[in-house]
Amino acid sequence: RPFSYRFEICGSEGMMEFDSAKSKPVTLFAMPEPGAASGNGPGVAVPESPLGQKDPYLSEIRDFLAYVRGERVPRVLPEDAIKALEVGLAATRSADAGEVVQVS
């Protein structure tokens, strides 16, 4: 099975689900009313991804090799990785504390 990834983003008015293994990878779920605690709203399929069925792992390796050969600059800098880590750690702290955590 090729490399794939999946995530969900939940908010007060609905949820977005992304699954790279699907031909239409994004699905939106609207809450019956703003602030409702039910995730059973109607789903709305979003058109097919412009990336198609590209293997993200293979794309990552190709980008890395192009950088090593001097053919391109990296798409993501170490500073970007640090910021992503800060966001992930803040999300964990927020989930543990049950409150909003600010990221600078």
PDB file of N, CA and C in Angstrom:
ATOM      1  N   ARG A   1       0.843  -1.177   0.000  1.00  0.00           N
ATOM      2  CA  ARG A   1       0.000   0.000   0.000  1.00  0.00           C
ATOM      3  C   ARG A   1       0.887   1.240   0.000  1.00  0.00           C
ATOM      4  N   PRO A   2       0.603   2.223  -0.858  1.00  0.00           N
ATOM      5  CA  PRO A   2       1.425   3.431  -0.895  1.00  0.00           C
ATOM      6  C   PRO A   2       1.243   4.280   0.362  1.00  0.00           C
ATOM      7  N   PHE A   3       2.262   5.077   0.642  1.00  0.00           N
ATOM      8  CA  PHE A   3       2.218   6.002   1.773  1.00  0.00           C
ATOM      9  C   PHE A   3       1.008   6.920   1.639  1.00  0.00           C
ATOM     10  N   SER A   4       0.293   7.121   2.711  1.00  0.00           N
ATOM     11  CA  SER A   4      -0.823   8.070   2.703  1.00  0.00           C
ATOM     12  C   SER A   4      -0.910   8.712   4.078  1.00  0.00           C
ATOM     13  N   TYR A   5      -1.701   9.750   4.171  1.00  0.00           N
ATOM     14  CA  TYR A   5      -1.882  10.409   5.452  1.00  0.00           C
ATOM     15  C   TYR A   5      -3.311  10.901   5.560  1.00  0.00           C
ATOM     16  N   ARG A   6      -3.728  11.151   6.798  1.00  0.00           N
ATOM     17  CA  ARG A   6      -5.108  11.505   7.066  1.00  0.00           C
ATOM     18  C   ARG A   6      -5.135  12.421   8.276  1.00  0.00           C
ATOM     19  N   PHE A   7      -6.058  13.393   8.260  1.00  0.00           N
ATOM     20  CA  PHE A   7      -6.257  14.225   9.435  1.00  0.00           C
ATOM     21  C   PHE A   7      -7.668  14.771   9.457  1.00  0.00           C
ATOM     22  N   GLU A   8      -8.084  15.240  10.626  1.00  0.00           N
ATOM     23  CA  GLU A   8      -9.386  15.864  10.812  1.00  0.00           C
ATOM     24  C   GLU A   8      -9.176  17.183  11.523  1.00  0.00           C
ATOM     25  N   ILE A   9      -9.953  18.178  11.131  1.00  0.00           N
ATOM     26  CA  ILE A   9      -9.955  19.469  11.813  1.00  0.00           C
ATOM     27  C   ILE A   9     -11.387  19.710  12.263  1.00  0.00           C
ATOM     28  N   CYS A  10     -11.572  19.915  13.562  1.00  0.00           N
ATOM     29  CA  CYS A  10     -12.912  20.112  14.114  1.00  0.00           C
ATOM     30  C   CYS A  10     -13.052  21.533  14.630  1.00  0.00           C
ATOM     31  N   GLY A  11     -14.206  22.119  14.388  1.00  0.00           N
ATOM     32  CA  GLY A  11     -14.500  23.461  14.871  1.00  0.00           C
ATOM     33  C   GLY A  11     -15.918  23.529  15.397  1.00  0.00           C
ATOM     34  N   SER A  12     -16.327  24.705  15.811  1.00  0.00           N
ATOM     35  CA  SER A  12     -17.649  24.869  16.413  1.00  0.00           C
ATOM     36  C   SER A  12     -18.780  24.711  15.402  1.00  0.00           C
ATOM     37  N   GLU A  13     -18.491  24.833  14.109  1.00  0.00           N
ATOM     38  CA  GLU A  13     -19.547  24.748  13.099  1.00  0.00           C
ATOM     39  C   GLU A  13     -19.432  23.527  12.195  1.00  0.00           C
ATOM     40  N   GLY A  14     -18.452  22.678  12.439  1.00  0.00           N
ATOM     41  CA  GLY A  14     -18.336  21.488  11.605  1.00  0.00           C
ATOM     42  C   GLY A  14     -16.961  20.858  11.686  1.00  0.00           C
ATOM     43  N   MET A  15     -16.706  19.958  10.743  1.00  0.00           N
ATOM     44  CA  MET A  15     -15.454  19.218  10.721  1.00  0.00           C
ATOM     45  C   MET A  15     -14.994  19.038   9.278  1.00  0.00           C
ATOM     46  N   MET A  16     -13.680  19.052   9.072  1.00  0.00           N
ATOM     47  CA  MET A  16     -13.101  18.750   7.776  1.00  0.00           C
ATOM     48  C   MET A  16     -12.248  17.503   7.948  1.00  0.00           C
ATOM     49  N   GLU A  17     -12.415  16.560   7.032  1.00  0.00           N
ATOM     50  CA  GLU A  17     -11.637  15.327   7.054  1.00  0.00           C
ATOM     51  C   GLU A  17     -10.829  15.254   5.764  1.00  0.00           C
ATOM     52  N   PHE A  18      -9.533  14.950   5.876  1.00  0.00           N
ATOM     53  CA  PHE A  18      -8.669  14.787   4.709  1.00  0.00           C
ATOM     54  C   PHE A  18      -8.075  13.396   4.749  1.00  0.00           C
ATOM     55  N   ASP A  19      -8.147  12.688   3.618  1.00  0.00           N
ATOM     56  CA  ASP A  19      -7.546  11.358   3.498  1.00  0.00           C
ATOM     57  C   ASP A  19      -6.883  11.281   2.127  1.00  0.00           C
ATOM     58  N   SER A  20      -5.553  11.304   2.084  1.00  0.00           N
ATOM     59  CA  SER A  20      -4.825  11.347   0.812  1.00  0.00           C
ATOM     60  C   SER A  20      -5.027  10.084  -0.022  1.00  0.00           C
ATOM     61  N   ALA A  21      -5.522   9.011   0.583  1.00  0.00           N
ATOM     62  CA  ALA A  21      -5.723   7.769  -0.159  1.00  0.00           C
ATOM     63  C   ALA A  21      -7.010   7.777  -0.985  1.00  0.00           C
ATOM     64  N   LYS A  22      -7.880   8.765  -0.766  1.00  0.00           N
ATOM     65  CA  LYS A  22      -9.145   8.832  -1.502  1.00  0.00           C
ATOM     66  C   LYS A  22      -8.992   9.699  -2.746  1.00  0.00           C
ATOM     67  N   SER A  23      -9.758   9.405  -3.797  1.00  0.00           N
ATOM     68  CA  SER A  23      -9.690  10.222  -5.016  1.00  0.00           C
ATOM     69  C   SER A  23     -10.283  11.608  -4.781  1.00  0.00           C
ATOM     70  N   LYS A  24     -11.257  11.724  -3.891  1.00  0.00           N
ATOM     71  CA  LYS A  24     -11.786  13.021  -3.451  1.00  0.00           C
ATOM     72  C   LYS A  24     -11.430  13.113  -1.969  1.00  0.00           C
ATOM     73  N   PRO A  25     -10.223  13.617  -1.669  1.00  0.00           N
ATOM     74  CA  PRO A  25      -9.674  13.471  -0.328  1.00  0.00           C
ATOM     75  C   PRO A  25     -10.294  14.329   0.769  1.00  0.00           C
ATOM     76  N   VAL A  26     -11.039  15.388   0.406  1.00  0.00           N
ATOM     77  CA  VAL A  26     -11.562  16.290   1.427  1.00  0.00           C
ATOM     78  C   VAL A  26     -13.069  16.119   1.556  1.00  0.00           C
ATOM     79  N   THR A  27     -13.539  15.945   2.794  1.00  0.00           N
ATOM     80  CA  THR A  27     -14.972  15.888   3.073  1.00  0.00           C
ATOM     81  C   THR A  27     -15.270  16.877   4.186  1.00  0.00           C
ATOM     82  N   LEU A  28     -16.332  17.662   4.022  1.00  0.00           N
ATOM     83  CA  LEU A  28     -16.759  18.617   5.035  1.00  0.00           C
ATOM     84  C   LEU A  28     -18.026  18.107   5.698  1.00  0.00           C
ATOM     85  N   PHE A  29     -18.095  18.232   7.011  1.00  0.00           N
ATOM     86  CA  PHE A  29     -19.276  17.850   7.773  1.00  0.00           C
ATOM     87  C   PHE A  29     -19.772  19.093   8.497  1.00  0.00           C
ATOM     88  N   ALA A  30     -20.972  19.547   8.172  1.00  0.00           N
ATOM     89  CA  ALA A  30     -21.540  20.728   8.814  1.00  0.00           C
ATOM     90  C   ALA A  30     -22.342  20.308  10.035  1.00  0.00           C
ATOM     91  N   MET A  31     -22.225  21.067  11.113  1.00  0.00           N
ATOM     92  CA  MET A  31     -23.033  20.815  12.297  1.00  0.00           C
ATOM     93  C   MET A  31     -24.474  21.224  11.987  1.00  0.00           C
ATOM     94  N   PRO A  32     -25.461  20.573  12.620  1.00  0.00           N
ATOM     95  CA  PRO A  32     -26.852  20.956  12.383  1.00  0.00           C
ATOM     96  C   PRO A  32     -27.111  22.425  12.702  1.00  0.00           C
ATOM     97  N   GLU A  33     -26.414  22.952  13.689  1.00  0.00           N
ATOM     98  CA  GLU A  33     -26.504  24.367  14.045  1.00  0.00           C
ATOM     99  C   GLU A  33     -25.186  24.765  14.688  1.00  0.00           C
ATOM    100  N   PRO A  34     -24.786  26.044  14.563  1.00  0.00           N
ATOM    101  CA  PRO A  34     -23.507  26.463  15.149  1.00  0.00           C
ATOM    102  C   PRO A  34     -23.415  26.104  16.631  1.00  0.00           C
ATOM    103  N   GLY A  35     -22.298  25.539  17.008  1.00  0.00           N
ATOM    104  CA  GLY A  35     -22.049  25.207  18.404  1.00  0.00           C
ATOM    105  C   GLY A  35     -22.605  23.865  18.840  1.00  0.00           C
ATOM    106  N   ALA A  36     -23.331  23.169  17.964  1.00  0.00           N
ATOM    107  CA  ALA A  36     -23.893  21.870  18.338  1.00  0.00           C
ATOM    108  C   ALA A  36     -22.765  20.876  18.580  1.00  0.00           C
ATOM    109  N   ALA A  37     -22.979  19.952  19.492  1.00  0.00           N
ATOM    110  CA  ALA A  37     -21.933  18.994  19.854  1.00  0.00           C
ATOM    111  C   ALA A  37     -22.029  17.695  19.068  1.00  0.00           C
ATOM    112  N   SER A  38     -22.845  17.667  18.031  1.00  0.00           N
ATOM    113  CA  SER A  38     -23.023  16.447  17.242  1.00  0.00           C
ATOM    114  C   SER A  38     -22.182  16.504  15.986  1.00  0.00           C
ATOM    115  N   GLY A  39     -21.533  15.414  15.628  1.00  0.00           N
ATOM    116  CA  GLY A  39     -20.752  15.350  14.394  1.00  0.00           C
ATOM    117  C   GLY A  39     -21.499  14.643  13.288  1.00  0.00           C
ATOM    118  N   ASN A  40     -22.810  14.589  13.361  1.00  0.00           N
ATOM    119  CA  ASN A  40     -23.596  13.830  12.397  1.00  0.00           C
ATOM    120  C   ASN A  40     -24.225  14.699  11.320  1.00  0.00           C
ATOM    121  N   GLY A  41     -23.677  15.876  11.071  1.00  0.00           N
ATOM    122  CA  GLY A  41     -24.220  16.748  10.030  1.00  0.00           C
ATOM    123  C   GLY A  41     -23.996  16.144   8.655  1.00  0.00           C
ATOM    124  N   PRO A  42     -24.660  16.691   7.644  1.00  0.00           N
ATOM    125  CA  PRO A  42     -24.500  16.153   6.291  1.00  0.00           C
ATOM    126  C   PRO A  42     -23.092  16.390   5.755  1.00  0.00           C
ATOM    127  N   GLY A  43     -22.536  15.418   5.073  1.00  0.00           N
ATOM    128  CA  GLY A  43     -21.208  15.562   4.487  1.00  0.00           C
ATOM    129  C   GLY A  43     -21.293  16.195   3.115  1.00  0.00           C
ATOM    130  N   VAL A  44     -20.303  16.988   2.770  1.00  0.00           N
ATOM    131  CA  VAL A  44     -20.226  17.620   1.461  1.00  0.00           C
ATOM    132  C   VAL A  44     -18.879  17.259   0.864  1.00  0.00           C
ATOM    133  N   ALA A  45     -18.861  16.469  -0.201  1.00  0.00           N
ATOM    134  CA  ALA A  45     -17.602  16.073  -0.831  1.00  0.00           C
ATOM    135  C   ALA A  45     -17.042  17.234  -1.636  1.00  0.00           C
ATOM    136  N   VAL A  46     -15.759  17.480  -1.501  1.00  0.00           N
ATOM    137  CA  VAL A  46     -15.072  18.541  -2.226  1.00  0.00           C
ATOM    138  C   VAL A  46     -14.458  17.920  -3.478  1.00  0.00           C
ATOM    139  N   PRO A  47     -14.380  18.660  -4.595  1.00  0.00           N
ATOM    140  CA  PRO A  47     -13.821  18.097  -5.833  1.00  0.00           C
ATOM    141  C   PRO A  47     -12.436  17.490  -5.631  1.00  0.00           C
ATOM    142  N   GLU A  48     -12.064  16.644  -6.556  1.00  0.00           N
ATOM    143  CA  GLU A  48     -10.804  15.913  -6.503  1.00  0.00           C
ATOM    144  C   GLU A  48      -9.606  16.839  -6.300  1.00  0.00           C
ATOM    145  N   SER A  49      -8.638  16.357  -5.568  1.00  0.00           N
ATOM    146  CA  SER A  49      -7.426  17.116  -5.282  1.00  0.00           C
ATOM    147  C   SER A  49      -6.646  17.404  -6.561  1.00  0.00           C
ATOM    148  N   PRO A  50      -6.117  18.633  -6.706  1.00  0.00           N
ATOM    149  CA  PRO A  50      -5.293  18.927  -7.881  1.00  0.00           C
ATOM    150  C   PRO A  50      -3.982  18.142  -7.888  1.00  0.00           C
ATOM    151  N   LEU A  51      -3.608  17.555  -6.764  1.00  0.00           N
ATOM    152  CA  LEU A  51      -2.388  16.746  -6.689  1.00  0.00           C
ATOM    153  C   LEU A  51      -2.612  15.339  -7.208  1.00  0.00           C
ATOM    154  N   GLY A  52      -3.873  14.973  -7.435  1.00  0.00           N
ATOM    155  CA  GLY A  52      -4.175  13.632  -7.916  1.00  0.00           C
ATOM    156  C   GLY A  52      -3.757  12.586  -6.906  1.00  0.00           C
ATOM    157  N   GLN A  53      -3.234  11.478  -7.384  1.00  0.00           N
ATOM    158  CA  GLN A  53      -2.829  10.378  -6.510  1.00  0.00           C
ATOM    159  C   GLN A  53      -1.312  10.316  -6.344  1.00  0.00           C
ATOM    160  N   LYS A  54      -0.635  11.463  -6.385  1.00  0.00           N
ATOM    161  CA  LYS A  54       0.820  11.467  -6.206  1.00  0.00           C
ATOM    162  C   LYS A  54       1.179  10.911  -4.834  1.00  0.00           C
ATOM    163  N   ASP A  55       2.265  10.188  -4.793  1.00  0.00           N
ATOM    164  CA  ASP A  55       2.761   9.612  -3.551  1.00  0.00           C
ATOM    165  C   ASP A  55       3.537  10.695  -2.797  1.00  0.00           C
ATOM    166  N   PRO A  56       3.027  11.183  -1.649  1.00  0.00           N
ATOM    167  CA  PRO A  56       3.708  12.268  -0.938  1.00  0.00           C
ATOM    168  C   PRO A  56       5.104  11.880  -0.451  1.00  0.00           C
ATOM    169  N   TYR A  57       5.315  10.614  -0.109  1.00  0.00           N
ATOM    170  CA  TYR A  57       6.630  10.170   0.353  1.00  0.00           C
ATOM    171  C   TYR A  57       7.645  10.254  -0.781  1.00  0.00           C
ATOM    172  N   LEU A  58       7.253   9.808  -1.977  1.00  0.00           N
ATOM    173  CA  LEU A  58       8.132   9.879  -3.141  1.00  0.00           C
ATOM    174  C   LEU A  58       8.433  11.334  -3.504  1.00  0.00           C
ATOM    175  N   SER A  59       7.436  12.199  -3.434  1.00  0.00           N
ATOM    176  CA  SER A  59       7.645  13.626  -3.708  1.00  0.00           C
ATOM    177  C   SER A  59       8.638  14.235  -2.724  1.00  0.00           C
ATOM    178  N   GLU A  60       8.527  13.838  -1.463  1.00  0.00           N
ATOM    179  CA  GLU A  60       9.443  14.334  -0.434  1.00  0.00           C
ATOM    180  C   GLU A  60      10.878  13.913  -0.740  1.00  0.00           C
ATOM    181  N   ILE A  61      11.070  12.666  -1.118  1.00  0.00           N
ATOM    182  CA  ILE A  61      12.414  12.166  -1.436  1.00  0.00           C
ATOM    183  C   ILE A  61      12.977  12.882  -2.665  1.00  0.00           C
ATOM    184  N   ARG A  62      12.154  13.070  -3.693  1.00  0.00           N
ATOM    185  CA  ARG A  62      12.616  13.773  -4.901  1.00  0.00           C
ATOM    186  C   ARG A  62      13.027  15.209  -4.580  1.00  0.00           C
ATOM    187  N   ASP A  63      12.229  15.892  -3.771  1.00  0.00           N
ATOM    188  CA  ASP A  63      12.581  17.257  -3.377  1.00  0.00           C
ATOM    189  C   ASP A  63      13.897  17.288  -2.613  1.00  0.00           C
ATOM    190  N   PHE A  64      14.077  16.336  -1.694  1.00  0.00           N
ATOM    191  CA  PHE A  64      15.307  16.283  -0.916  1.00  0.00           C
ATOM    192  C   PHE A  64      16.512  16.050  -1.819  1.00  0.00           C
ATOM    193  N   LEU A  65      16.402  15.102  -2.749  1.00  0.00           N
ATOM    194  CA  LEU A  65      17.516  14.823  -3.661  1.00  0.00           C
ATOM    195  C   LEU A  65      17.824  16.028  -4.551  1.00  0.00           C
ATOM    196  N   ALA A  66      16.804  16.743  -5.001  1.00  0.00           N
ATOM    197  CA  ALA A  66      17.023  17.946  -5.814  1.00  0.00           C
ATOM    198  C   ALA A  66      17.774  18.997  -5.000  1.00  0.00           C
ATOM    199  N   TYR A  67      17.467  19.107  -3.714  1.00  0.00           N
ATOM    200  CA  TYR A  67      18.183  20.043  -2.845  1.00  0.00           C
ATOM    201  C   TYR A  67      19.642  19.611  -2.682  1.00  0.00           C
ATOM    202  N   VAL A  68      19.883  18.323  -2.420  1.00  0.00           N
ATOM    203  CA  VAL A  68      21.244  17.807  -2.233  1.00  0.00           C
ATOM    204  C   VAL A  68      22.083  18.037  -3.488  1.00  0.00           C
ATOM    205  N   ARG A  69      21.472  17.895  -4.661  1.00  0.00           N
ATOM    206  CA  ARG A  69      22.186  18.115  -5.929  1.00  0.00           C
ATOM    207  C   ARG A  69      22.369  19.596  -6.251  1.00  0.00           C
ATOM    208  N   GLY A  70      21.799  20.468  -5.445  1.00  0.00           N
ATOM    209  CA  GLY A  70      21.904  21.908  -5.695  1.00  0.00           C
ATOM    210  C   GLY A  70      20.947  22.407  -6.757  1.00  0.00           C
ATOM    211  N   GLU A  71      19.905  21.638  -7.061  1.00  0.00           N
ATOM    212  CA  GLU A  71      18.956  22.002  -8.112  1.00  0.00           C
ATOM    213  C   GLU A  71      17.821  22.895  -7.613  1.00  0.00           C
ATOM    214  N   ARG A  72      17.675  22.998  -6.317  1.00  0.00           N
ATOM    215  CA  ARG A  72      16.591  23.824  -5.774  1.00  0.00           C
ATOM    216  C   ARG A  72      16.879  24.163  -4.317  1.00  0.00           C
ATOM    217  N   VAL A  73      16.177  25.155  -3.833  1.00  0.00           N
ATOM    218  CA  VAL A  73      16.254  25.486  -2.408  1.00  0.00           C
ATOM    219  C   VAL A  73      15.205  24.631  -1.690  1.00  0.00           C
ATOM    220  N   PRO A  74      15.416  24.350  -0.417  1.00  0.00           N
ATOM    221  CA  PRO A  74      14.429  23.531   0.292  1.00  0.00           C
ATOM    222  C   PRO A  74      13.090  24.258   0.414  1.00  0.00           C
ATOM    223  N   ARG A  75      12.000  23.511   0.304  1.00  0.00           N
ATOM    224  CA  ARG A  75      10.661  24.091   0.469  1.00  0.00           C
ATOM    225  C   ARG A  75      10.405  24.439   1.924  1.00  0.00           C
ATOM    226  N   VAL A  76      10.991  23.666   2.815  1.00  0.00           N
ATOM    227  CA  VAL A  76      10.782  23.860   4.241  1.00  0.00           C
ATOM    228  C   VAL A  76      12.139  24.061   4.899  1.00  0.00           C
ATOM    229  N   LEU A  77      12.255  25.123   5.653  1.00  0.00           N
ATOM    230  CA  LEU A  77      13.503  25.438   6.349  1.00  0.00           C
ATOM    231  C   LEU A  77      13.468  24.886   7.771  1.00  0.00           C
ATOM    232  N   PRO A  78      14.629  24.753   8.417  1.00  0.00           N
ATOM    233  CA  PRO A  78      14.640  24.285   9.805  1.00  0.00           C
ATOM    234  C   PRO A  78      13.749  25.139  10.712  1.00  0.00           C
ATOM    235  N   GLU A  79      13.693  26.438  10.451  1.00  0.00           N
ATOM    236  CA  GLU A  79      12.842  27.322  11.257  1.00  0.00           C
ATOM    237  C   GLU A  79      11.368  26.925  11.134  1.00  0.00           C
ATOM    238  N   ASP A  80      10.971  26.469   9.940  1.00  0.00           N
ATOM    239  CA  ASP A  80       9.594  26.011   9.738  1.00  0.00           C
ATOM    240  C   ASP A  80       9.313  24.765  10.576  1.00  0.00           C
ATOM    241  N   ALA A  81      10.288  23.873  10.639  1.00  0.00           N
ATOM    242  CA  ALA A  81      10.126  22.651  11.432  1.00  0.00           C
ATOM    243  C   ALA A  81       9.983  22.990  12.913  1.00  0.00           C
ATOM    244  N   ILE A  82      10.754  23.963  13.376  1.00  0.00           N
ATOM    245  CA  ILE A  82      10.664  24.385  14.780  1.00  0.00           C
ATOM    246  C   ILE A  82       9.282  24.950  15.068  1.00  0.00           C
ATOM    247  N   LYS A  83       8.766  25.787  14.167  1.00  0.00           N
ATOM    248  CA  LYS A  83       7.424  26.365  14.352  1.00  0.00           C
ATOM    249  C   LYS A  83       6.360  25.267  14.354  1.00  0.00           C
ATOM    250  N   ALA A  84       6.489  24.282  13.456  1.00  0.00           N
ATOM    251  CA  ALA A  84       5.527  23.176  13.414  1.00  0.00           C
ATOM    252  C   ALA A  84       5.555  22.392  14.723  1.00  0.00           C
ATOM    253  N   LEU A  85       6.750  22.170  15.264  1.00  0.00           N
ATOM    254  CA  LEU A  85       6.882  21.479  16.544  1.00  0.00           C
ATOM    255  C   LEU A  85       6.217  22.285  17.654  1.00  0.00           C
ATOM    256  N   GLU A  86       6.420  23.613  17.654  1.00  0.00           N
ATOM    257  CA  GLU A  86       5.795  24.471  18.665  1.00  0.00           C
ATOM    258  C   GLU A  86       4.272  24.368  18.605  1.00  0.00           C
ATOM    259  N   VAL A  87       3.717  24.339  17.398  1.00  0.00           N
ATOM    260  CA  VAL A  87       2.264  24.218  17.239  1.00  0.00           C
ATOM    261  C   VAL A  87       1.785  22.865  17.769  1.00  0.00           C
ATOM    262  N   GLY A  88       2.497  21.794  17.415  1.00  0.00           N
ATOM    263  CA  GLY A  88       2.115  20.467  17.895  1.00  0.00           C
ATOM    264  C   GLY A  88       2.179  20.353  19.410  1.00  0.00           C
ATOM    265  N   LEU A  89       3.237  20.896  20.010  1.00  0.00           N
ATOM    266  CA  LEU A  89       3.361  20.862  21.468  1.00  0.00           C
ATOM    267  C   LEU A  89       2.273  21.699  22.131  1.00  0.00           C
ATOM    268  N   ALA A  90       1.938  22.850  21.533  1.00  0.00           N
ATOM    269  CA  ALA A  90       0.863  23.688  22.072  1.00  0.00           C
ATOM    270  C   ALA A  90      -0.476  22.961  21.986  1.00  0.00           C
ATOM    271  N   ALA A  91      -0.700  22.228  20.897  1.00  0.00           N
ATOM    272  CA  ALA A  91      -1.945  21.461  20.759  1.00  0.00           C
ATOM    273  C   ALA A  91      -2.038  20.391  21.842  1.00  0.00           C
ATOM    274  N   THR A  92      -0.919  19.746  22.141  1.00  0.00           N
ATOM    275  CA  THR A  92      -0.905  18.735  23.199  1.00  0.00           C
ATOM    276  C   THR A  92      -1.186  19.371  24.554  1.00  0.00           C
ATOM    277  N   ARG A  93      -0.529  20.509  24.834  1.00  0.00           N
ATOM    278  CA  ARG A  93      -0.775  21.213  26.102  1.00  0.00           C
ATOM    279  C   ARG A  93      -2.235  21.648  26.203  1.00  0.00           C
ATOM    280  N   SER A  94      -2.796  22.130  25.093  1.00  0.00           N
ATOM    281  CA  SER A  94      -4.188  22.565  25.069  1.00  0.00           C
ATOM    282  C   SER A  94      -5.130  21.401  25.365  1.00  0.00           C
ATOM    283  N   ALA A  95      -4.870  20.258  24.733  1.00  0.00           N
ATOM    284  CA  ALA A  95      -5.719  19.082  24.961  1.00  0.00           C
ATOM    285  C   ALA A  95      -5.617  18.610  26.409  1.00  0.00           C
ATOM    286  N   ASP A  96      -4.407  18.617  26.960  1.00  0.00           N
ATOM    287  CA  ASP A  96      -4.211  18.188  28.345  1.00  0.00           C
ATOM    288  C   ASP A  96      -4.889  19.128  29.334  1.00  0.00           C
ATOM    289  N   ALA A  97      -4.793  20.441  29.078  1.00  0.00           N
ATOM    290  CA  ALA A  97      -5.331  21.444  29.999  1.00  0.00           C
ATOM    291  C   ALA A  97      -6.805  21.745  29.752  1.00  0.00           C
ATOM    292  N   GLY A  98      -7.301  21.399  28.567  1.00  0.00           N
ATOM    293  CA  GLY A  98      -8.691  21.707  28.233  1.00  0.00           C
ATOM    294  C   GLY A  98      -8.936  23.183  28.017  1.00  0.00           C
ATOM    295  N   GLU A  99      -7.904  23.895  27.571  1.00  0.00           N
ATOM    296  CA  GLU A  99      -8.046  25.332  27.324  1.00  0.00           C
ATOM    297  C   GLU A  99      -7.153  25.757  26.164  1.00  0.00           C
ATOM    298  N   VAL A 100      -7.404  26.970  25.676  1.00  0.00           N
ATOM    299  CA  VAL A 100      -6.638  27.511  24.560  1.00  0.00           C
ATOM    300  C   VAL A 100      -5.208  27.802  25.008  1.00  0.00           C
ATOM    301  N   VAL A 101      -4.242  27.448  24.173  1.00  0.00           N
ATOM    302  CA  VAL A 101      -2.833  27.740  24.430  1.00  0.00           C
ATOM    303  C   VAL A 101      -2.333  28.606  23.283  1.00  0.00           C
ATOM    304  N   GLN A 102      -1.750  29.733  23.596  1.00  0.00           N
ATOM    305  CA  GLN A 102      -1.240  30.655  22.582  1.00  0.00           C
ATOM    306  C   GLN A 102       0.098  30.172  22.035  1.00  0.00           C
ATOM    307  N   VAL A 103       0.287  30.356  20.735  1.00  0.00           N
ATOM    308  CA  VAL A 103       1.554  30.044  20.078  1.00  0.00           C
ATOM    309  C   VAL A 103       2.120  31.357  19.574  1.00  0.00           C
ATOM    310  N   SER A 104       3.375  31.638  19.917  1.00  0.00           N
ATOM    311  CA  SER A 104       3.968  32.917  19.479  1.00  0.00           C
ATOM    312  C   SER A 104       4.697  32.764  18.170  1.00  0.00           C
TER     313      SER A 104
END
